[in-house]
Amino acid sequence: MITLTRSKDFDRIFRHGSSVSSSEVVIYALKRSKGKFSQPRAAFCVSKKFGKAVARNRVKRRLREVYRLNEGKLDAQWDVILLARQGAAVVQFAQLEKKFLSLCRRAGILKEVPRIPETANL
């Protein structure tokens, strides 16, 4: 997993990227235009409104794990920021993963999976 760390990258994604949201997560995404892409880059943000560092870190760990498990399904050309909302702290992990994939599909950052045509029975 490659993480975004430079504030220049964050500014560019927030300014020029698109966003999709649910009650648990907001995804900001921007397609990179140049270079070879081995994997997508990501960042995980949790507001101090979540409370103490223990609660914020738990939400970040959950978001990172959801991302890690599904990283292979994402197109490598994208930079992604996952911004946690209050619902991310209380929702079940499976539900959080389902919401993440749904948002990725809406944002158009999932890989194109070629469909295998059905063959006639021989």
Protein backbone atom coordinates (compact mmCIF):
# COMPACT_ATOMS: atom_id res chain seq x y z
CA MET A 1 0.00 0.00 0.00
CA ILE A 2 1.37 3.38 -1.00
CA THR A 3 0.16 6.22 1.22
CA LEU A 4 -0.23 9.85 0.29
CA THR A 5 1.70 12.14 2.62
CA ARG A 6 2.45 15.42 0.83
CA SER A 7 0.04 18.28 1.43
CA LYS A 8 0.40 19.17 -2.26
CA ASP A 9 -1.19 15.83 -3.18
CA PHE A 10 -4.02 16.34 -0.68
CA ASP A 11 -4.74 19.84 -2.02
CA ARG A 12 -4.75 18.59 -5.61
CA ILE A 13 -7.17 15.75 -4.83
CA PHE A 14 -9.53 17.92 -2.79
CA ARG A 15 -9.48 20.69 -5.41
CA HIS A 16 -9.63 18.73 -8.67
CA GLY A 17 -10.92 15.30 -7.67
CA SER A 18 -14.43 13.96 -7.39
CA SER A 19 -16.13 12.77 -4.23
CA VAL A 20 -18.76 10.23 -3.26
CA SER A 21 -20.11 9.78 0.24
CA SER A 22 -22.16 7.67 2.58
CA SER A 23 -22.99 8.04 6.26
CA GLU A 24 -19.73 6.23 7.14
CA VAL A 25 -17.09 7.33 4.61
CA VAL A 26 -16.36 10.01 2.03
CA ILE A 27 -14.06 9.03 -0.84
CA TYR A 28 -12.17 11.70 -2.74
CA ALA A 29 -10.53 10.36 -5.90
CA LEU A 30 -8.39 11.81 -8.66
CA LYS A 31 -6.94 9.97 -11.63
CA ARG A 32 -3.19 10.39 -12.09
CA SER A 33 -2.21 11.41 -15.59
CA LYS A 34 1.41 10.37 -16.03
CA GLY A 35 3.85 7.67 -15.06
CA LYS A 36 3.69 3.94 -14.60
CA PHE A 37 1.23 2.81 -12.00
CA SER A 38 1.85 -0.27 -9.91
CA GLN A 39 -0.92 0.38 -7.39
CA PRO A 40 -3.27 3.13 -6.25
CA ARG A 41 -2.16 5.59 -3.58
CA ALA A 42 -4.32 6.25 -0.54
CA ALA A 43 -4.68 8.42 2.56
CA PHE A 44 -6.91 7.96 5.60
CA CYS A 45 -8.31 10.96 7.50
CA VAL A 46 -10.20 11.02 10.76
CA SER A 47 -11.34 14.26 12.37
CA LYS A 48 -10.64 15.15 15.98
CA LYS A 49 -14.43 15.25 16.39
CA PHE A 50 -14.19 11.47 16.82
CA GLY A 51 -12.71 12.03 20.26
CA LYS A 52 -9.49 10.82 21.77
CA ALA A 53 -6.60 9.38 19.77
CA VAL A 54 -7.59 5.82 20.68
CA ALA A 55 -10.97 6.17 18.94
CA ARG A 56 -9.49 7.97 15.92
CA ASN A 57 -6.75 5.37 15.49
CA ARG A 58 -9.26 2.52 15.69
CA VAL A 59 -11.31 4.04 12.88
CA LYS A 60 -8.16 4.60 10.80
CA ARG A 61 -7.09 0.98 11.33
CA ARG A 62 -10.50 -0.24 10.18
CA LEU A 63 -10.40 1.96 7.06
CA ARG A 64 -6.85 0.84 6.26
CA GLU A 65 -7.85 -2.81 6.58
CA VAL A 66 -10.91 -2.38 4.35
CA TYR A 67 -8.69 -0.69 1.78
CA ARG A 68 -5.94 -3.33 2.07
CA LEU A 69 -8.37 -6.21 1.55
CA ASN A 70 -9.80 -4.60 -1.59
CA GLU A 71 -6.74 -2.86 -3.01
CA GLY A 72 -6.41 -5.40 -5.82
CA LYS A 73 -9.87 -4.45 -7.08
CA LEU A 74 -8.92 -0.78 -7.55
CA ASP A 75 -7.49 0.72 -10.72
CA ALA A 76 -3.83 1.64 -10.16
CA GLN A 77 -4.14 5.09 -11.76
CA TRP A 78 -6.09 6.63 -8.89
CA ASP A 79 -5.19 8.63 -5.81
CA VAL A 80 -7.78 8.10 -3.08
CA ILE A 81 -8.52 9.83 0.22
CA LEU A 82 -10.85 8.08 2.65
CA LEU A 83 -12.41 10.51 5.10
CA ALA A 84 -14.21 8.89 8.03
CA ARG A 85 -17.60 10.09 9.23
CA GLN A 86 -19.20 9.41 12.61
CA GLY A 87 -20.94 6.27 11.34
CA ALA A 88 -17.61 4.56 10.65
CA ALA A 89 -16.97 4.14 14.37
CA VAL A 90 -20.09 2.10 15.08
CA VAL A 91 -20.84 0.15 11.90
CA GLN A 92 -19.87 -3.53 11.59
CA PHE A 93 -16.70 -4.24 9.61
CA ALA A 94 -18.50 -6.22 6.89
CA GLN A 95 -20.95 -3.36 6.40
CA LEU A 96 -18.08 -0.85 6.21
CA GLU A 97 -16.40 -2.97 3.53
CA LYS A 98 -19.65 -3.22 1.58
CA LYS A 99 -20.10 0.57 1.70
CA PHE A 100 -16.49 1.09 0.60
CA LEU A 101 -16.93 -1.12 -2.48
CA SER A 102 -20.23 0.55 -3.30
CA LEU A 103 -18.61 4.00 -3.13
CA CYS A 104 -15.66 2.82 -5.24
CA ARG A 105 -18.08 1.56 -7.87
CA ARG A 106 -19.92 4.90 -7.86
CA ALA A 107 -16.62 6.80 -8.11
CA GLY A 108 -15.49 4.63 -11.03
CA ILE A 109 -12.20 3.57 -9.45
CA LEU A 110 -12.73 -0.19 -9.61
CA LYS A 111 -10.82 -2.15 -12.25
CA GLU A 112 -12.68 -3.10 -15.36
CA VAL A 113 -13.26 -6.83 -15.13
CA PRO A 114 -13.66 -8.42 -18.56
CA ARG A 115 -16.80 -10.45 -18.81
CA ILE A 116 -16.45 -14.03 -19.93
CA PRO A 117 -19.04 -14.78 -22.59
CA GLU A 118 -21.23 -17.75 -21.94
CA THR A 119 -20.61 -20.53 -24.42
CA ALA A 120 -23.30 -22.71 -25.84
CA ASN A 121 -23.55 -26.17 -24.37
CA LEU A 122 -21.73 -28.64 -26.57
